[in-house]
Amino acid sequence: SGEKPRDYLALKDWFPGIDYVDWCGVSIFQQPYTCQLESDVCYMQYVEEMALFCQQRNIPLMIAESTPFGGLIDEDEGNIPNRAGYYGSSWHRWFIPVLDFIEKYDVKMWSYINCDWDSFPMWISNDNHAPNVFWGDTRLQSKANIARRWKEEILQSKRFIDTTDSTILAAAGCGKVIDNVKLEVANNNHTISKVDVLNQWLLLHNMMNSVMIGVFFLIILV
């Protein structure tokens, strides 16, 4: 999760062995805002300890879930805090450290949660969630400069593949295509046609948890 291992156990004490692990995953939310600076480079201690542990064992690493905690701040809004009280451009304070982390550890997959969290009852600060905790709005399209940078520096980068092409996804180890998968959600029948296993899971996840999750952007890194 990017936090201290439970019960202060070392990572190796949780590790079942190389024969049982195909991927390692970390979550990135608050960490870039509170990271330690080493030569002007953001160091996210527990995330990076996990990344190094897996890198040493040649296990591919993914950012399994991520979003700028508290919501986005555009470049011309730096003097206004987000919902969690953080200041400064989200691109510079959150996205750049995450992109540096991706480069440093050759992250193979990145899932970004594009969501207006506070519009869902589960994430509103009340008895349903932690008091005085606000996730904010992390939809890229809600901030013009961030949306522009995302398109220019991520979607147009040779390092990233933003795709639903099942051939590419299968080559990345993301599963095979399944035709006409039927599921029932909230008493309504839905049919998913020609959807690869991975995107089927993401769609299922979004449908089954629609009260709390918006849209995942899943990016394969090459």
Protein backbone atom coordinates (compact mmCIF):
# COMPACT_ATOMS: atom_id res chain seq x y z
CA SER A 1 0.00 0.00 0.00
CA GLY A 2 2.98 2.28 0.22
CA GLU A 3 2.79 2.36 4.00
CA LYS A 4 4.68 0.44 6.68
CA PRO A 5 4.34 -3.35 6.45
CA ARG A 6 1.75 -4.63 8.89
CA ASP A 7 2.98 -5.45 12.40
CA TYR A 8 6.36 -3.96 11.41
CA LEU A 9 7.36 -7.24 9.77
CA ALA A 10 10.00 -7.09 7.06
CA LEU A 11 8.87 -7.54 3.45
CA LYS A 12 10.71 -10.83 3.24
CA ASP A 13 8.57 -12.17 6.08
CA TRP A 14 5.46 -11.64 3.94
CA PHE A 15 7.02 -13.04 0.76
CA PRO A 16 5.75 -16.56 -0.07
CA GLY A 17 8.52 -17.28 -2.57
CA ILE A 18 9.29 -16.55 -6.19
CA ASP A 19 7.22 -19.53 -7.39
CA TYR A 20 4.04 -17.91 -6.05
CA VAL A 21 4.46 -14.29 -7.15
CA ASP A 22 3.93 -13.04 -10.73
CA TRP A 23 3.61 -9.31 -10.06
CA CYS A 24 4.32 -6.84 -7.29
CA GLY A 25 1.97 -3.91 -6.76
CA VAL A 26 2.06 -0.64 -4.86
CA SER A 27 -0.53 2.04 -4.19
CA ILE A 28 0.34 5.72 -4.49
CA PHE A 29 -1.92 8.36 -2.96
CA GLN A 30 -0.48 10.82 -0.42
CA GLN A 31 3.16 9.75 -0.65
CA PRO A 32 4.40 12.18 -3.35
CA TYR A 33 3.13 15.13 -1.29
CA THR A 34 5.01 14.04 1.81
CA CYS A 35 8.07 12.37 0.30
CA GLN A 36 11.60 12.88 1.54
CA LEU A 37 13.82 14.83 -0.84
CA GLU A 38 17.14 13.28 -1.78
CA SER A 39 19.09 15.60 -4.09
CA ASP A 40 15.79 17.18 -5.18
CA VAL A 41 14.41 13.74 -6.03
CA CYS A 42 11.27 12.53 -4.27
CA TYR A 43 11.92 9.39 -2.19
CA MET A 44 8.77 7.54 -1.09
CA GLN A 45 10.23 5.21 1.51
CA TYR A 46 7.85 2.27 1.76
CA VAL A 47 6.84 2.33 -1.91
CA GLU A 48 10.48 2.31 -2.95
CA GLU A 49 11.44 -0.39 -0.48
CA MET A 50 8.79 -2.59 -2.06
CA ALA A 51 9.95 -1.66 -5.57
CA LEU A 52 13.58 -2.46 -4.77
CA PHE A 53 12.62 -5.75 -3.09
CA CYS A 54 10.81 -6.88 -6.25
CA GLN A 55 13.42 -5.48 -8.63
CA GLN A 56 16.11 -7.55 -6.92
CA ARG A 57 14.00 -10.65 -7.60
CA ASN A 58 13.17 -9.73 -11.22
CA ILE A 59 9.45 -9.51 -10.48
CA PRO A 60 7.58 -6.95 -12.64
CA LEU A 61 6.14 -4.01 -10.75
CA MET A 62 2.80 -2.27 -11.20
CA ILE A 63 1.22 0.78 -9.63
CA ALA A 64 -2.00 -1.04 -8.87
CA GLU A 65 -3.98 2.04 -7.83
CA SER A 66 -3.12 5.71 -7.66
CA THR A 67 -4.65 9.15 -7.51
CA PRO A 68 -3.55 12.56 -6.18
CA PHE A 69 -5.08 12.46 -2.71
CA GLY A 70 -7.33 15.45 -2.04
CA GLY A 71 -7.96 16.28 -5.69
CA LEU A 72 -6.19 18.07 -8.50
CA ILE A 73 -4.71 21.56 -8.41
CA ASP A 74 -3.91 23.18 -11.75
CA GLU A 75 -0.80 25.25 -12.37
CA ASP A 76 -2.62 28.57 -11.96
CA GLU A 77 -4.25 27.48 -8.68
CA GLY A 78 -1.13 26.84 -6.59
CA ASN A 79 -2.17 29.15 -3.76
CA ILE A 80 -5.44 27.27 -3.21
CA PRO A 81 -5.26 24.00 -1.21
CA ASN A 82 -6.98 20.88 -2.41
CA ARG A 83 -9.55 19.01 -0.31
CA ALA A 84 -6.81 17.33 1.75
CA GLY A 85 -5.01 20.59 2.45
CA TYR A 86 -2.11 20.15 0.02
CA TYR A 87 -0.85 23.14 -1.96
CA GLY A 88 0.93 23.50 -5.28
CA SER A 89 0.51 22.26 -8.81
CA SER A 90 -0.55 18.62 -8.82
CA TRP A 91 1.49 18.02 -11.94
CA HIS A 92 4.70 19.13 -10.26
CA ARG A 93 4.01 17.80 -6.77
CA TRP A 94 2.33 14.48 -7.64
CA PHE A 95 2.63 13.44 -11.29
CA ILE A 96 6.31 14.22 -11.77
CA PRO A 97 7.38 12.18 -8.69
CA VAL A 98 5.22 9.29 -9.91
CA LEU A 99 6.72 9.49 -13.41
CA ASP A 100 10.22 9.59 -11.90
CA PHE A 101 9.36 6.50 -9.85
CA ILE A 102 8.14 4.74 -13.01
CA GLU A 103 11.42 5.47 -14.76
CA LYS A 104 13.59 4.57 -11.79
CA TYR A 105 12.06 1.14 -11.23
CA ASP A 106 10.89 0.38 -14.78
CA VAL A 107 7.26 0.06 -13.71
CA LYS A 108 5.37 -2.13 -16.17
CA MET A 109 1.77 -1.13 -15.49
CA TRP A 110 0.13 1.98 -14.04
CA SER A 111 -3.50 2.30 -12.96
CA TYR A 112 -4.70 5.87 -12.40
CA ILE A 113 -8.14 6.40 -10.83
CA ASN A 114 -9.91 9.20 -12.71
CA CYS A 115 -12.73 9.99 -10.32
CA ASP A 116 -14.71 12.71 -8.56
CA TRP A 117 -14.44 10.91 -5.24
CA ASP A 118 -16.53 13.34 -3.23
CA SER A 119 -19.53 12.77 -5.48
CA PHE A 120 -19.85 9.20 -4.19
CA PRO A 121 -21.50 8.59 -0.80
CA MET A 122 -18.86 6.10 0.35
CA TRP A 123 -16.07 8.67 0.12
CA ILE A 124 -17.90 11.64 1.60
CA SER A 125 -16.48 12.47 5.02
CA ASN A 126 -19.13 11.07 7.32
CA ASP A 127 -19.88 7.84 9.15
CA ASN A 128 -19.30 5.90 5.92
CA HIS A 129 -15.63 6.80 5.84
CA ALA A 130 -12.87 8.33 7.94
CA PRO A 131 -13.92 11.67 9.47
CA ASN A 132 -12.35 14.78 7.97
CA VAL A 133 -10.84 12.84 5.07
CA PHE A 134 -11.58 14.18 1.60
CA TRP A 135 -10.37 12.54 -1.63
CA GLY A 136 -11.47 15.36 -3.92
CA ASP A 137 -11.84 15.40 -7.70
CA THR A 138 -8.99 13.69 -9.61
CA ARG A 139 -10.57 13.69 -13.06
CA LEU A 140 -7.90 14.75 -15.54
CA GLN A 141 -10.45 16.43 -17.76
CA SER A 142 -11.42 18.76 -14.91
CA LYS A 143 -8.13 20.71 -15.16
CA ALA A 144 -7.10 22.05 -18.57
CA ASN A 145 -3.33 22.22 -18.00
CA ILE A 146 -3.13 18.79 -16.37
CA ALA A 147 -5.22 17.27 -19.17
CA ARG A 148 -2.87 18.87 -21.72
CA ARG A 149 0.24 17.58 -19.97
CA TRP A 150 -1.28 14.10 -19.68
CA LYS A 151 -1.87 14.01 -23.43
CA GLU A 152 1.52 15.50 -24.34
CA GLU A 153 3.81 13.84 -21.82
CA ILE A 154 2.10 10.50 -21.23
CA LEU A 155 -0.24 9.51 -24.04
CA GLN A 156 2.21 10.66 -26.70
CA SER A 157 5.25 9.16 -24.99
CA LYS A 158 6.85 6.06 -26.49
CA ARG A 159 7.10 4.60 -23.00
CA PHE A 160 3.34 4.34 -22.52
CA ILE A 161 0.71 2.33 -24.32
CA ASP A 162 -2.86 3.46 -23.70
CA THR A 163 -4.81 0.69 -25.36
CA THR A 164 -7.62 -1.84 -25.26
CA ASP A 165 -6.06 -3.86 -28.10
CA SER A 166 -6.30 -7.43 -26.84
CA THR A 167 -3.22 -8.52 -28.81
CA ILE A 168 -1.02 -5.97 -27.05
CA LEU A 169 -2.59 -6.70 -23.69
CA ALA A 170 -2.13 -10.43 -24.12
CA ALA A 171 1.54 -9.89 -25.03
CA ALA A 172 1.88 -7.95 -21.80
CA GLY A 173 0.49 -10.93 -19.89
CA CYS A 174 -2.93 -9.42 -19.32
CA GLY A 175 -5.05 -12.33 -20.47
CA LYS A 176 -7.08 -13.41 -23.47
CA VAL A 177 -10.23 -12.17 -25.16
CA ILE A 178 -13.56 -13.55 -24.01
CA ASP A 179 -16.68 -13.13 -26.18
CA ASN A 180 -20.12 -12.19 -24.91
CA VAL A 181 -19.57 -12.40 -21.18
CA LYS A 182 -22.85 -11.98 -19.35
CA LEU A 183 -23.15 -10.67 -15.83
CA GLU A 184 -25.89 -9.42 -13.57
CA VAL A 185 -25.46 -6.19 -11.64
CA ALA A 186 -28.19 -4.61 -9.53
CA ASN A 187 -30.84 -6.78 -11.20
CA ASN A 188 -29.83 -5.59 -14.67
CA ASN A 189 -28.28 -7.86 -17.26
CA HIS A 190 -25.22 -6.65 -19.12
CA THR A 191 -23.30 -8.25 -21.97
CA ILE A 192 -19.64 -7.52 -22.55
CA SER A 193 -18.62 -8.39 -26.09
CA LYS A 194 -15.04 -8.87 -27.26
CA VAL A 195 -13.51 -7.70 -24.00
CA ASP A 196 -10.13 -8.99 -22.87
CA VAL A 197 -9.86 -10.50 -19.41
CA LEU A 198 -8.12 -7.53 -17.85
CA ASN A 199 -10.53 -4.90 -19.11
CA GLN A 200 -13.41 -7.19 -18.28
CA TRP A 201 -12.17 -7.22 -14.68
CA LEU A 202 -11.86 -3.44 -14.65
CA LEU A 203 -15.35 -3.05 -16.08
CA LEU A 204 -16.75 -5.56 -13.63
CA HIS A 205 -14.97 -3.77 -10.81
CA ASN A 206 -16.42 -0.42 -11.86
CA MET A 207 -19.92 -1.79 -12.25
CA MET A 208 -19.93 -3.75 -9.02
CA ASN A 209 -18.42 -0.86 -7.09
CA SER A 210 -20.03 2.02 -8.91
CA VAL A 211 -20.79 3.83 -5.67
CA MET A 212 -17.12 4.30 -4.94
CA ILE A 213 -14.98 4.08 -8.07
CA GLY A 214 -15.14 6.13 -11.23
CA VAL A 215 -12.94 5.27 -14.20
CA PHE A 216 -9.57 3.56 -14.21
CA PHE A 217 -7.00 4.56 -16.79
CA LEU A 218 -4.81 1.52 -17.26
CA ILE A 219 -1.54 2.13 -19.03
CA ILE A 220 0.93 -0.51 -20.13
CA LEU A 221 4.52 0.68 -20.02
CA VAL A 222 7.10 -0.52 -22.51
